[in-house]
Amino acid sequence: MKQDAAFFEGKDAVLIYIAKKLKEALSLETALTESGIDYGVEADEYRGGVIFRSARVGAFFYVLPEAVEAAHGAMERNRFTPRVE
């Protein structure tokens, strides 16, 4: 389920995905919610483009370290490629 920032206070949240489009973000939210995974999402800037690089805004998805494996499984079942550091 989607959690607010207070849920992650004092904890090291792990970035699992950056959605570049609203439809993509909504689809991932549905996948994580249906799988019962607590996650946070916030809008932030990332650098994109090949020839004309620019700052763009995306939806950054975070989970707690103990939920990373379950989140990756839910993402893969729904055809998302998890971000791995």
PDB file of N, CA and C in Angstrom:
ATOM      1  N   MET A   1       0.836  -1.174   0.000  1.00  0.00           N
ATOM      2  CA  MET A   1       0.000   0.000   0.000  1.00  0.00           C
ATOM      3  C   MET A   1       0.887   1.247   0.000  1.00  0.00           C
ATOM      4  N   LYS A   2       0.386   2.276  -0.605  1.00  0.00           N
ATOM      5  CA  LYS A   2       1.122   3.532  -0.670  1.00  0.00           C
ATOM      6  C   LYS A   2       1.223   4.146   0.725  1.00  0.00           C
ATOM      7  N   GLN A   3       2.433   4.527   1.111  1.00  0.00           N
ATOM      8  CA  GLN A   3       2.690   5.107   2.424  1.00  0.00           C
ATOM      9  C   GLN A   3       3.199   6.540   2.263  1.00  0.00           C
ATOM     10  N   ASP A   4       2.981   7.339   3.292  1.00  0.00           N
ATOM     11  CA  ASP A   4       3.488   8.716   3.252  1.00  0.00           C
ATOM     12  C   ASP A   4       4.921   8.756   3.785  1.00  0.00           C
ATOM     13  N   ALA A   5       5.518   9.920   3.734  1.00  0.00           N
ATOM     14  CA  ALA A   5       6.924  10.088   4.115  1.00  0.00           C
ATOM     15  C   ALA A   5       7.196   9.680   5.563  1.00  0.00           C
ATOM     16  N   ALA A   6       6.241   9.871   6.461  1.00  0.00           N
ATOM     17  CA  ALA A   6       6.431   9.528   7.870  1.00  0.00           C
ATOM     18  C   ALA A   6       6.727   8.037   8.062  1.00  0.00           C
ATOM     19  N   PHE A   7       6.191   7.198   7.203  1.00  0.00           N
ATOM     20  CA  PHE A   7       6.408   5.751   7.270  1.00  0.00           C
ATOM     21  C   PHE A   7       7.897   5.410   7.107  1.00  0.00           C
ATOM     22  N   PHE A   8       8.621   6.206   6.329  1.00  0.00           N
ATOM     23  CA  PHE A   8      10.016   5.944   6.026  1.00  0.00           C
ATOM     24  C   PHE A   8      10.995   6.712   6.903  1.00  0.00           C
ATOM     25  N   GLU A   9      10.499   7.548   7.819  1.00  0.00           N
ATOM     26  CA  GLU A   9      11.379   8.348   8.670  1.00  0.00           C
ATOM     27  C   GLU A   9      12.297   7.467   9.503  1.00  0.00           C
ATOM     28  N   GLY A  10      13.589   7.796   9.473  1.00  0.00           N
ATOM     29  CA  GLY A  10      14.574   7.064  10.257  1.00  0.00           C
ATOM     30  C   GLY A  10      14.941   5.719   9.666  1.00  0.00           C
ATOM     31  N   LYS A  11      14.462   5.411   8.472  1.00  0.00           N
ATOM     32  CA  LYS A  11      14.751   4.134   7.822  1.00  0.00           C
ATOM     33  C   LYS A  11      15.414   4.406   6.478  1.00  0.00           C
ATOM     34  N   ASP A  12      16.196   3.465   6.006  1.00  0.00           N
ATOM     35  CA  ASP A  12      16.876   3.608   4.721  1.00  0.00           C
ATOM     36  C   ASP A  12      16.008   3.008   3.617  1.00  0.00           C
ATOM     37  N   ALA A  13      15.253   3.855   2.937  1.00  0.00           N
ATOM     38  CA  ALA A  13      14.403   3.398   1.847  1.00  0.00           C
ATOM     39  C   ALA A  13      15.281   3.075   0.629  1.00  0.00           C
ATOM     40  N   VAL A  14      14.852   2.083  -0.148  1.00  0.00           N
ATOM     41  CA  VAL A  14      15.591   1.633  -1.327  1.00  0.00           C
ATOM     42  C   VAL A  14      14.814   2.036  -2.576  1.00  0.00           C
ATOM     43  N   LEU A  15      15.487   2.707  -3.500  1.00  0.00           N
ATOM     44  CA  LEU A  15      14.868   3.090  -4.768  1.00  0.00           C
ATOM     45  C   LEU A  15      14.743   1.852  -5.648  1.00  0.00           C
ATOM     46  N   ILE A  16      13.511   1.516  -6.067  1.00  0.00           N
ATOM     47  CA  ILE A  16      13.314   0.317  -6.884  1.00  0.00           C
ATOM     48  C   ILE A  16      12.930   0.627  -8.323  1.00  0.00           C
ATOM     49  N   TYR A  17      12.463   1.865  -8.601  1.00  0.00           N
ATOM     50  CA  TYR A  17      12.021   2.159  -9.958  1.00  0.00           C
ATOM     51  C   TYR A  17      11.827   3.656 -10.143  1.00  0.00           C
ATOM     52  N   ILE A  18      12.073   4.123 -11.363  1.00  0.00           N
ATOM     53  CA  ILE A  18      11.758   5.494 -11.741  1.00  0.00           C
ATOM     54  C   ILE A  18      10.802   5.424 -12.923  1.00  0.00           C
ATOM     55  N   ALA A  19       9.551   5.805 -12.695  1.00  0.00           N
ATOM     56  CA  ALA A  19       8.552   5.814 -13.768  1.00  0.00           C
ATOM     57  C   ALA A  19       8.655   7.145 -14.498  1.00  0.00           C
ATOM     58  N   LYS A  20       8.756   7.058 -15.808  1.00  0.00           N
ATOM     59  CA  LYS A  20       8.928   8.261 -16.614  1.00  0.00           C
ATOM     60  C   LYS A  20       7.609   8.809 -17.145  1.00  0.00           C
ATOM     61  N   LYS A  21       6.549   8.007 -17.079  1.00  0.00           N
ATOM     62  CA  LYS A  21       5.232   8.426 -17.568  1.00  0.00           C
ATOM     63  C   LYS A  21       4.182   8.129 -16.509  1.00  0.00           C
ATOM     64  N   LEU A  22       3.124   8.929 -16.495  1.00  0.00           N
ATOM     65  CA  LEU A  22       2.064   8.777 -15.502  1.00  0.00           C
ATOM     66  C   LEU A  22       1.407   7.398 -15.599  1.00  0.00           C
ATOM     67  N   LYS A  23       1.115   6.940 -16.797  1.00  0.00           N
ATOM     68  CA  LYS A  23       0.466   5.637 -16.988  1.00  0.00           C
ATOM     69  C   LYS A  23       1.316   4.520 -16.392  1.00  0.00           C
ATOM     70  N   GLU A  24       2.627   4.613 -16.595  1.00  0.00           N
ATOM     71  CA  GLU A  24       3.566   3.635 -16.055  1.00  0.00           C
ATOM     72  C   GLU A  24       3.552   3.660 -14.521  1.00  0.00           C
ATOM     73  N   ALA A  25       3.541   4.860 -13.941  1.00  0.00           N
ATOM     74  CA  ALA A  25       3.522   5.005 -12.482  1.00  0.00           C
ATOM     75  C   ALA A  25       2.238   4.429 -11.894  1.00  0.00           C
ATOM     76  N   LEU A  26       1.117   4.715 -12.513  1.00  0.00           N
ATOM     77  CA  LEU A  26      -0.164   4.208 -12.019  1.00  0.00           C
ATOM     78  C   LEU A  26      -0.219   2.686 -12.104  1.00  0.00           C
ATOM     79  N   SER A  27       0.322   2.127 -13.160  1.00  0.00           N
ATOM     80  CA  SER A  27       0.350   0.680 -13.320  1.00  0.00           C
ATOM     81  C   SER A  27       1.215   0.023 -12.247  1.00  0.00           C
ATOM     82  N   LEU A  28       2.362   0.619 -11.951  1.00  0.00           N
ATOM     83  CA  LEU A  28       3.230   0.069 -10.912  1.00  0.00           C
ATOM     84  C   LEU A  28       2.581   0.208  -9.536  1.00  0.00           C
ATOM     85  N   GLU A  29       1.925   1.322  -9.281  1.00  0.00           N
ATOM     86  CA  GLU A  29       1.213   1.480  -8.010  1.00  0.00           C
ATOM     87  C   GLU A  29       0.189   0.367  -7.832  1.00  0.00           C
ATOM     88  N   THR A  30      -0.550   0.055  -8.876  1.00  0.00           N
ATOM     89  CA  THR A  30      -1.549  -1.013  -8.815  1.00  0.00           C
ATOM     90  C   THR A  30      -0.884  -2.353  -8.531  1.00  0.00           C
ATOM     91  N   ALA A  31       0.210  -2.645  -9.221  1.00  0.00           N
ATOM     92  CA  ALA A  31       0.908  -3.922  -9.028  1.00  0.00           C
ATOM     93  C   ALA A  31       1.414  -4.078  -7.595  1.00  0.00           C
ATOM     94  N   LEU A  32       2.019  -3.027  -7.057  1.00  0.00           N
ATOM     95  CA  LEU A  32       2.547  -3.102  -5.688  1.00  0.00           C
ATOM     96  C   LEU A  32       1.428  -3.191  -4.658  1.00  0.00           C
ATOM     97  N   THR A  33       0.354  -2.440  -4.861  1.00  0.00           N
ATOM     98  CA  THR A  33      -0.771  -2.469  -3.929  1.00  0.00           C
ATOM     99  C   THR A  33      -1.437  -3.839  -3.929  1.00  0.00           C
ATOM    100  N   GLU A  34      -1.681  -4.396  -5.113  1.00  0.00           N
ATOM    101  CA  GLU A  34      -2.316  -5.718  -5.202  1.00  0.00           C
ATOM    102  C   GLU A  34      -1.452  -6.810  -4.585  1.00  0.00           C
ATOM    103  N   SER A  35      -0.136  -6.600  -4.547  1.00  0.00           N
ATOM    104  CA  SER A  35       0.775  -7.568  -3.935  1.00  0.00           C
ATOM    105  C   SER A  35       0.954  -7.334  -2.442  1.00  0.00           C
ATOM    106  N   GLY A  36       0.316  -6.302  -1.899  1.00  0.00           N
ATOM    107  CA  GLY A  36       0.387  -6.023  -0.470  1.00  0.00           C
ATOM    108  C   GLY A  36       1.720  -5.465  -0.011  1.00  0.00           C
ATOM    109  N   ILE A  37       2.406  -4.770  -0.895  1.00  0.00           N
ATOM    110  CA  ILE A  37       3.723  -4.229  -0.570  1.00  0.00           C
ATOM    111  C   ILE A  37       3.598  -2.758  -0.190  1.00  0.00           C
ATOM    112  N   ASP A  38       4.200  -2.389   0.940  1.00  0.00           N
ATOM    113  CA  ASP A  38       4.237  -0.986   1.353  1.00  0.00           C
ATOM    114  C   ASP A  38       5.309  -0.273   0.543  1.00  0.00           C
ATOM    115  N   TYR A  39       4.957   0.860  -0.047  1.00  0.00           N
ATOM    116  CA  TYR A  39       5.896   1.601  -0.881  1.00  0.00           C
ATOM    117  C   TYR A  39       5.636   3.087  -0.738  1.00  0.00           C
ATOM    118  N   GLY A  40       6.626   3.863  -1.101  1.00  0.00           N
ATOM    119  CA  GLY A  40       6.497   5.311  -1.144  1.00  0.00           C
ATOM    120  C   GLY A  40       6.803   5.768  -2.553  1.00  0.00           C
ATOM    121  N   VAL A  41       6.201   6.867  -2.959  1.00  0.00           N
ATOM    122  CA  VAL A  41       6.460   7.409  -4.285  1.00  0.00           C
ATOM    123  C   VAL A  41       6.536   8.923  -4.165  1.00  0.00           C
ATOM    124  N   GLU A  42       7.497   9.505  -4.873  1.00  0.00           N
ATOM    125  CA  GLU A  42       7.627  10.953  -4.876  1.00  0.00           C
ATOM    126  C   GLU A  42       8.108  11.416  -6.241  1.00  0.00           C
ATOM    127  N   ALA A  43       7.716  12.594  -6.614  1.00  0.00           N
ATOM    128  CA  ALA A  43       8.170  13.187  -7.870  1.00  0.00           C
ATOM    129  C   ALA A  43       9.553  13.789  -7.646  1.00  0.00           C
ATOM    130  N   ASP A  44      10.446  13.560  -8.607  1.00  0.00           N
ATOM    131  CA  ASP A  44      11.797  14.100  -8.526  1.00  0.00           C
ATOM    132  C   ASP A  44      12.351  14.226  -9.934  1.00  0.00           C
ATOM    133  N   GLU A  45      13.469  14.902 -10.076  1.00  0.00           N
ATOM    134  CA  GLU A  45      14.085  15.097 -11.382  1.00  0.00           C
ATOM    135  C   GLU A  45      15.105  14.007 -11.683  1.00  0.00           C
ATOM    136  N   TYR A  46      15.186  13.641 -12.948  1.00  0.00           N
ATOM    137  CA  TYR A  46      16.231  12.753 -13.439  1.00  0.00           C
ATOM    138  C   TYR A  46      16.724  13.320 -14.761  1.00  0.00           C
ATOM    139  N   ARG A  47      17.886  12.897 -15.212  1.00  0.00           N
ATOM    140  CA  ARG A  47      18.450  13.364 -16.480  1.00  0.00           C
ATOM    141  C   ARG A  47      18.072  12.368 -17.565  1.00  0.00           C
ATOM    142  N   GLY A  48      17.558  12.864 -18.685  1.00  0.00           N
ATOM    143  CA  GLY A  48      17.146  11.983 -19.774  1.00  0.00           C
ATOM    144  C   GLY A  48      17.514  12.549 -21.118  1.00  0.00           C
ATOM    145  N   GLY A  49      17.382  11.708 -22.126  1.00  0.00           N
ATOM    146  CA  GLY A  49      17.680  12.121 -23.491  1.00  0.00           C
ATOM    147  C   GLY A  49      19.036  11.634 -23.929  1.00  0.00           C
ATOM    148  N   VAL A  50      19.169  11.357 -25.221  1.00  0.00           N
ATOM    149  CA  VAL A  50      20.434  10.874 -25.763  1.00  0.00           C
ATOM    150  C   VAL A  50      21.198  12.033 -26.402  1.00  0.00           C
ATOM    151  N   ILE A  51      20.567  12.684 -27.330  1.00  0.00           N
ATOM    152  CA  ILE A  51      21.220  13.800 -28.019  1.00  0.00           C
ATOM    153  C   ILE A  51      20.989  15.105 -27.259  1.00  0.00           C
ATOM    154  N   PHE A  52      19.738  15.355 -26.911  1.00  0.00           N
ATOM    155  CA  PHE A  52      19.377  16.572 -26.190  1.00  0.00           C
ATOM    156  C   PHE A  52      19.066  16.216 -24.744  1.00  0.00           C
ATOM    157  N   ARG A  53      20.093  16.171 -23.917  1.00  0.00           N
ATOM    158  CA  ARG A  53      19.906  15.819 -22.504  1.00  0.00           C
ATOM    159  C   ARG A  53      19.205  16.954 -21.784  1.00  0.00           C
ATOM    160  N   SER A  54      18.281  16.582 -20.909  1.00  0.00           N
ATOM    161  CA  SER A  54      17.553  17.588 -20.153  1.00  0.00           C
ATOM    162  C   SER A  54      17.086  16.988 -18.841  1.00  0.00           C
ATOM    163  N   ALA A  55      16.704  17.856 -17.922  1.00  0.00           N
ATOM    164  CA  ALA A  55      16.134  17.415 -16.649  1.00  0.00           C
ATOM    165  C   ALA A  55      14.652  17.145 -16.874  1.00  0.00           C
ATOM    166  N   ARG A  56      14.198  16.013 -16.398  1.00  0.00           N
ATOM    167  CA  ARG A  56      12.799  15.617 -16.539  1.00  0.00           C
ATOM    168  C   ARG A  56      12.281  15.197 -15.177  1.00  0.00           C
ATOM    169  N   VAL A  57      10.981  15.142 -15.032  1.00  0.00           N
ATOM    170  CA  VAL A  57      10.372  14.753 -13.761  1.00  0.00           C
ATOM    171  C   VAL A  57       9.787  13.353 -13.896  1.00  0.00           C
ATOM    172  N   GLY A  58      10.055  12.516 -12.901  1.00  0.00           N
ATOM    173  CA  GLY A  58       9.531  11.163 -12.888  1.00  0.00           C
ATOM    174  C   GLY A  58       9.012  10.816 -11.510  1.00  0.00           C
ATOM    175  N   ALA A  59       8.384   9.655 -11.407  1.00  0.00           N
ATOM    176  CA  ALA A  59       7.883   9.149 -10.129  1.00  0.00           C
ATOM    177  C   ALA A  59       8.892   8.131  -9.603  1.00  0.00           C
ATOM    178  N   PHE A  60       9.506   8.430  -8.466  1.00  0.00           N
ATOM    179  CA  PHE A  60      10.514   7.575  -7.863  1.00  0.00           C
ATOM    180  C   PHE A  60       9.839   6.693  -6.818  1.00  0.00           C
ATOM    181  N   PHE A  61       9.968   5.370  -6.968  1.00  0.00           N
ATOM    182  CA  PHE A  61       9.328   4.410  -6.069  1.00  0.00           C
ATOM    183  C   PHE A  61      10.353   3.853  -5.096  1.00  0.00           C
ATOM    184  N   TYR A  62       9.977   3.824  -3.813  1.00  0.00           N
ATOM    185  CA  TYR A  62      10.854   3.348  -2.747  1.00  0.00           C
ATOM    186  C   TYR A  62      10.151   2.295  -1.903  1.00  0.00           C
ATOM    187  N   VAL A  63      10.935   1.344  -1.375  1.00  0.00           N
ATOM    188  CA  VAL A  63      10.438   0.380  -0.394  1.00  0.00           C
ATOM    189  C   VAL A  63      11.491   0.237   0.696  1.00  0.00           C
ATOM    190  N   LEU A  64      11.109  -0.390   1.795  1.00  0.00           N
ATOM    191  CA  LEU A  64      12.073  -0.682   2.857  1.00  0.00           C
ATOM    192  C   LEU A  64      12.931  -1.871   2.442  1.00  0.00           C
ATOM    193  N   PRO A  65      14.149  -1.978   2.971  1.00  0.00           N
ATOM    194  CA  PRO A  65      15.061  -3.055   2.556  1.00  0.00           C
ATOM    195  C   PRO A  65      14.457  -4.457   2.642  1.00  0.00           C
ATOM    196  N   GLU A  66      13.658  -4.711   3.653  1.00  0.00           N
ATOM    197  CA  GLU A  66      13.085  -6.053   3.804  1.00  0.00           C
ATOM    198  C   GLU A  66      11.996  -6.356   2.774  1.00  0.00           C
ATOM    199  N   ALA A  67      11.533  -5.354   2.047  1.00  0.00           N
ATOM    200  CA  ALA A  67      10.481  -5.554   1.039  1.00  0.00           C
ATOM    201  C   ALA A  67      11.029  -5.554  -0.388  1.00  0.00           C
ATOM    202  N   VAL A  68      12.333  -5.379  -0.554  1.00  0.00           N
ATOM    203  CA  VAL A  68      12.905  -5.273  -1.903  1.00  0.00           C
ATOM    204  C   VAL A  68      12.651  -6.534  -2.727  1.00  0.00           C
ATOM    205  N   GLU A  69      12.908  -7.692  -2.160  1.00  0.00           N
ATOM    206  CA  GLU A  69      12.750  -8.948  -2.903  1.00  0.00           C
ATOM    207  C   GLU A  69      11.295  -9.154  -3.340  1.00  0.00           C
ATOM    208  N   ALA A  70      10.350  -8.908  -2.453  1.00  0.00           N
ATOM    209  CA  ALA A  70       8.930  -9.055  -2.797  1.00  0.00           C
ATOM    210  C   ALA A  70       8.518  -8.028  -3.850  1.00  0.00           C
ATOM    211  N   ALA A  71       9.032  -6.811  -3.733  1.00  0.00           N
ATOM    212  CA  ALA A  71       8.705  -5.764  -4.700  1.00  0.00           C
ATOM    213  C   ALA A  71       9.250  -6.116  -6.076  1.00  0.00           C
ATOM    214  N   HIS A  72      10.485  -6.618  -6.134  1.00  0.00           N
ATOM    215  CA  HIS A  72      11.069  -7.018  -7.413  1.00  0.00           C
ATOM    216  C   HIS A  72      10.250  -8.137  -8.050  1.00  0.00           C
ATOM    217  N   GLY A  73       9.795  -9.083  -7.242  1.00  0.00           N
ATOM    218  CA  GLY A  73       8.960 -10.178  -7.758  1.00  0.00           C
ATOM    219  C   GLY A  73       7.663  -9.658  -8.343  1.00  0.00           C
ATOM    220  N   ALA A  74       7.002  -8.741  -7.629  1.00  0.00           N
ATOM    221  CA  ALA A  74       5.752  -8.156  -8.119  1.00  0.00           C
ATOM    222  C   ALA A  74       5.983  -7.370  -9.397  1.00  0.00           C
ATOM    223  N   MET A  75       7.093  -6.661  -9.455  1.00  0.00           N
ATOM    224  CA  MET A  75       7.417  -5.875 -10.643  1.00  0.00           C
ATOM    225  C   MET A  75       7.652  -6.785 -11.847  1.00  0.00           C
ATOM    226  N   GLU A  76       8.417  -7.842 -11.664  1.00  0.00           N
ATOM    227  CA  GLU A  76       8.717  -8.751 -12.768  1.00  0.00           C
ATOM    228  C   GLU A  76       7.466  -9.457 -13.270  1.00  0.00           C
ATOM    229  N   ARG A  77       6.559  -9.819 -12.365  1.00  0.00           N
ATOM    230  CA  ARG A  77       5.290 -10.443 -12.773  1.00  0.00           C
ATOM    231  C   ARG A  77       4.449  -9.498 -13.610  1.00  0.00           C
ATOM    232  N   ASN A  78       4.663  -8.196 -13.435  1.00  0.00           N
ATOM    233  CA  ASN A  78       3.883  -7.187 -14.162  1.00  0.00           C
ATOM    234  C   ASN A  78       4.712  -6.492 -15.251  1.00  0.00           C
ATOM    235  N   ARG A  79       5.788  -7.141 -15.664  1.00  0.00           N
ATOM    236  CA  ARG A  79       6.641  -6.697 -16.777  1.00  0.00           C
ATOM    237  C   ARG A  79       7.367  -5.367 -16.540  1.00  0.00           C
ATOM    238  N   PHE A  80       7.763  -5.125 -15.288  1.00  0.00           N
ATOM    239  CA  PHE A  80       8.600  -3.969 -14.967  1.00  0.00           C
ATOM    240  C   PHE A  80      10.006  -4.490 -14.696  1.00  0.00           C
ATOM    241  N   THR A  81      11.012  -3.747 -15.098  1.00  0.00           N
ATOM    242  CA  THR A  81      12.397  -4.110 -14.821  1.00  0.00           C
ATOM    243  C   THR A  81      12.849  -3.346 -13.585  1.00  0.00           C
ATOM    244  N   PRO A  82      13.094  -4.062 -12.466  1.00  0.00           N
ATOM    245  CA  PRO A  82      13.499  -3.368 -11.242  1.00  0.00           C
ATOM    246  C   PRO A  82      14.838  -2.647 -11.406  1.00  0.00           C
ATOM    247  N   ARG A  83      14.964  -1.540 -10.714  1.00  0.00           N
ATOM    248  CA  ARG A  83      16.226  -0.802 -10.663  1.00  0.00           C
ATOM    249  C   ARG A  83      17.095  -1.483  -9.607  1.00  0.00           C
ATOM    250  N   VAL A  84      18.296  -1.857  -9.993  1.00  0.00           N
ATOM    251  CA  VAL A  84      19.216  -2.537  -9.073  1.00  0.00           C
ATOM    252  C   VAL A  84      20.484  -1.697  -8.976  1.00  0.00           C
ATOM    253  N   GLU A  85      20.938  -1.481  -7.740  1.00  0.00           N
ATOM    254  CA  GLU A  85      22.175  -0.692  -7.540  1.00  0.00           C
ATOM    255  C   GLU A  85      23.366  -1.591  -7.478  1.00  0.00           C
TER     256      GLU A  85
END
